[in-house]
Protein backbone atom coordinates (compact mmCIF):
# COMPACT_ATOMS: atom_id res chain seq x y z
CA MET A 1 -24.21 -14.27 5.17
CA ARG A 2 -20.86 -15.53 3.88
CA ASN A 3 -21.48 -13.96 0.46
CA ARG A 4 -22.35 -10.63 2.11
CA VAL A 5 -19.10 -10.70 4.09
CA GLY A 6 -17.22 -11.43 0.86
CA VAL A 7 -18.78 -8.41 -0.86
CA VAL A 8 -17.96 -6.15 2.09
CA THR A 9 -14.40 -7.45 2.11
CA VAL A 10 -13.96 -6.82 -1.61
CA LEU A 11 -15.33 -3.29 -1.23
CA THR A 12 -13.03 -2.66 1.73
CA VAL A 13 -10.01 -3.93 -0.18
CA TRP A 14 -10.96 -1.68 -3.11
CA GLY A 15 -11.21 1.28 -0.73
CA PHE A 16 -7.75 0.53 0.64
CA ALA A 17 -6.38 0.13 -2.86
CA LEU A 18 -7.95 3.37 -4.05
CA LEU A 19 -6.31 5.27 -1.21
CA LEU A 20 -2.92 3.90 -2.18
CA VAL A 21 -3.48 4.53 -5.86
CA SER A 22 -4.54 8.06 -4.98
CA ALA A 23 -1.22 8.42 -3.23
CA TRP A 24 0.54 7.20 -6.35
CA ALA A 25 -1.48 9.64 -8.45
CA SER A 26 -0.21 12.39 -6.16
CA ILE A 27 3.34 11.24 -6.75
CA ALA A 28 2.81 11.06 -10.51
CA LEU A 29 1.25 14.51 -10.55
CA ALA A 30 4.29 15.85 -8.76
CA SER A 31 6.15 15.05 -12.01
CA GLU A 32 9.28 14.08 -10.20
CA ALA A 33 11.16 11.88 -12.62
CA ASP A 34 13.02 10.15 -9.77
CA ASP A 35 9.72 9.14 -8.13
CA VAL A 36 8.32 7.72 -11.35
CA ALA A 37 11.57 5.84 -12.00
CA ALA A 38 11.63 4.48 -8.44
CA PHE A 39 8.07 3.17 -8.85
CA ARG A 40 8.86 1.62 -12.22
CA ASP A 41 12.14 0.04 -11.03
CA PHE A 42 10.99 -1.31 -7.64
CA GLN A 43 11.01 -5.11 -7.76
CA LEU A 44 8.64 -7.04 -5.53
CA ASP A 45 9.83 -10.40 -4.23
CA SER A 46 8.83 -12.86 -1.51
CA HIS A 47 11.37 -11.45 0.93
CA TYR A 48 9.91 -7.95 0.61
CA LEU A 49 6.31 -9.18 0.72
CA HIS A 50 6.85 -11.11 3.94
CA ARG A 51 8.73 -8.24 5.61
CA TRP A 52 5.92 -5.85 4.53
CA MET A 53 3.33 -8.19 6.08
CA ALA A 54 5.39 -8.50 9.28
CA VAL A 55 5.61 -4.70 9.54
CA LYS A 56 1.84 -4.38 9.11
CA ARG A 57 1.16 -7.11 11.71
CA GLU A 58 3.53 -5.59 14.27
CA ALA A 59 2.12 -2.12 13.71
CA THR A 60 -1.42 -3.37 14.21
CA ALA A 61 -0.44 -5.30 17.34
CA LYS A 62 1.14 -2.13 18.77
CA GLY A 63 -1.68 0.16 17.64
CA VAL A 64 0.61 2.07 15.27
CA ARG A 65 -0.94 3.36 12.07
CA MET A 66 1.07 2.73 8.93
CA GLN A 67 -0.60 5.37 6.74
CA VAL A 68 1.04 5.62 3.33
CA LEU A 69 -1.27 8.48 2.39
CA PRO A 70 -1.44 11.26 4.99
CA LEU A 71 -4.94 11.95 6.26
CA GLN A 72 -6.48 15.33 6.88
CA SER A 73 -7.89 16.10 10.30
CA GLY A 74 -11.37 14.97 9.21
CA GLY A 75 -10.05 11.53 8.27
CA SER A 76 -10.22 12.00 4.52
CA ALA A 77 -7.29 11.47 2.22
CA ALA A 78 -5.04 14.47 1.89
CA SER A 79 -4.86 16.00 -1.51
CA GLY A 80 -1.98 17.66 -3.18
CA ASN A 81 1.10 16.76 -5.10
CA ASP A 82 2.99 14.81 -2.48
CA SER A 83 6.29 13.48 -3.67
CA LEU A 84 7.61 10.11 -2.65
CA SER A 85 9.97 11.97 -0.31
CA ALA A 86 7.08 13.85 1.31
CA LEU A 87 5.01 10.70 1.78
CA THR A 88 8.05 8.91 3.21
CA ALA A 89 8.86 11.75 5.63
CA HIS A 90 5.25 11.90 6.81
CA LEU A 91 5.16 8.17 7.54
CA ASP A 92 8.58 8.13 9.20
CA ALA A 93 7.57 10.97 11.52
CA GLU A 94 4.62 9.03 12.95
CA PRO A 95 5.30 7.80 16.49
CA GLY A 96 6.47 4.20 16.60
CA VAL A 97 6.77 3.72 12.85
CA HIS A 98 10.52 4.12 12.55
CA ALA A 99 11.25 1.51 15.23
CA ILE A 100 8.90 -1.05 13.66
CA LEU A 101 10.38 -0.54 10.22
CA ALA A 102 13.95 -0.75 11.54
CA HIS A 103 13.08 -3.97 13.39
CA HIS A 104 12.22 -5.52 10.02
CA GLY A 105 15.17 -4.04 8.13
CA MET A 106 13.05 -1.60 6.20
CA THR A 107 12.97 2.15 5.74
CA ALA A 108 9.89 4.33 5.43
CA ARG A 109 10.76 4.81 1.75
CA ASP A 110 10.90 1.02 1.23
CA PHE A 111 7.52 0.64 2.90
CA VAL A 112 5.80 3.49 1.03
CA LEU A 113 7.21 2.59 -2.36
CA GLY A 114 6.60 -1.13 -1.96
CA SER A 115 3.05 -0.52 -0.72
CA LEU A 116 2.26 1.63 -3.73
CA VAL A 117 3.76 -0.88 -6.16
CA LEU A 118 2.11 -3.88 -4.50
CA VAL A 119 -1.40 -2.46 -4.36
CA THR A 120 -1.19 -0.84 -7.79
CA ALA A 121 -0.09 -4.16 -9.30
CA ARG A 122 -2.87 -5.98 -7.45
CA MET A 123 -5.52 -3.53 -8.66
CA ALA A 124 -4.25 -3.88 -12.21
CA LEU A 125 -5.07 -7.60 -12.06
CA TYR A 126 -8.74 -7.16 -11.13
CA PRO A 127 -11.10 -8.33 -13.87
CA GLY A 128 -12.00 -5.41 -16.09
CA ALA A 129 -8.97 -3.34 -15.14
CA GLY A 130 -7.79 -1.78 -18.35
CA GLY A 131 -4.35 -0.99 -19.64
CA ASP A 132 -4.39 2.30 -17.72
CA ALA A 133 -4.42 0.34 -14.46
CA GLN A 134 -1.18 -1.35 -15.50
CA ALA A 135 0.56 1.82 -16.63
CA GLY A 136 3.91 2.16 -14.92
CA VAL A 137 3.73 -1.29 -13.28
CA SER A 138 6.54 -3.53 -14.45
CA ARG A 139 5.80 -6.92 -15.98
CA HIS A 140 7.88 -8.47 -13.18
CA ASN A 141 5.64 -6.92 -10.49
CA LEU A 142 2.44 -7.90 -12.30
CA ASP A 143 3.70 -11.47 -12.63
CA PHE A 144 4.82 -11.56 -8.98
CA VAL A 145 1.47 -10.34 -7.68
CA ARG A 146 -0.39 -12.69 -10.02
CA ALA A 147 1.62 -15.60 -8.61
CA HIS A 148 0.96 -14.48 -5.02
CA LYS A 149 -2.58 -13.19 -5.53
CA ALA A 150 -4.27 -15.46 -2.97
CA GLU A 151 -1.68 -14.66 -0.29
CA VAL A 152 -1.84 -10.91 -0.98
CA ASP A 153 -5.65 -10.85 -1.02
CA ARG A 154 -5.91 -12.90 2.17
CA PHE A 155 -3.44 -10.63 3.96
CA ILE A 156 -5.09 -7.40 2.80
CA GLN A 157 -8.48 -8.70 3.98
CA GLN A 158 -7.05 -9.62 7.38
CA ASP A 159 -5.24 -6.30 7.63
CA MET A 160 -8.35 -4.32 6.73
CA ARG A 161 -10.35 -6.13 9.44
CA ALA A 162 -7.57 -5.44 11.97
CA GLN A 163 -7.45 -1.76 10.95
CA ALA A 164 -11.23 -1.49 11.29
CA ALA A 165 -11.03 -3.00 14.76
CA MET A 166 -8.35 -0.42 15.71
CA ASN A 167 -10.75 2.36 14.71
CA HIS A 168 -13.41 1.17 17.16
């Protein structure tokens, strides 16, 4: 049973990661040089990671969805060429999000950009992920996520379980 739960968790984490990477693909397709530069230049650190986790925990506790990628009415990922600004504005407009972010000294842009960088870097470290998975991710961010892999994976698993519980 434990192995089965582990497989489900890995698949759930991959699903979460794919949604975020899809969001990044939307940003990249928008061809906004500022967005690409912001992604490349964003530097993960322990302070950011722990604030990001605190935001996610508080949002879950309050029943607030912290969707980086806007969803269509049917619950599927929105498509299109959303810029970082568009994704940020969408998140910031969600009820309750702005107050939670402000409580942790973060903006919607910080949260969206950091989420994209964090999950993209984490996906790039999966066994078998090729050089394409690491494209645009700084060496600093890859090294940071590698050093914090267990903590990041554990949190994402917990967060995915909490999000699933919110949906029921």
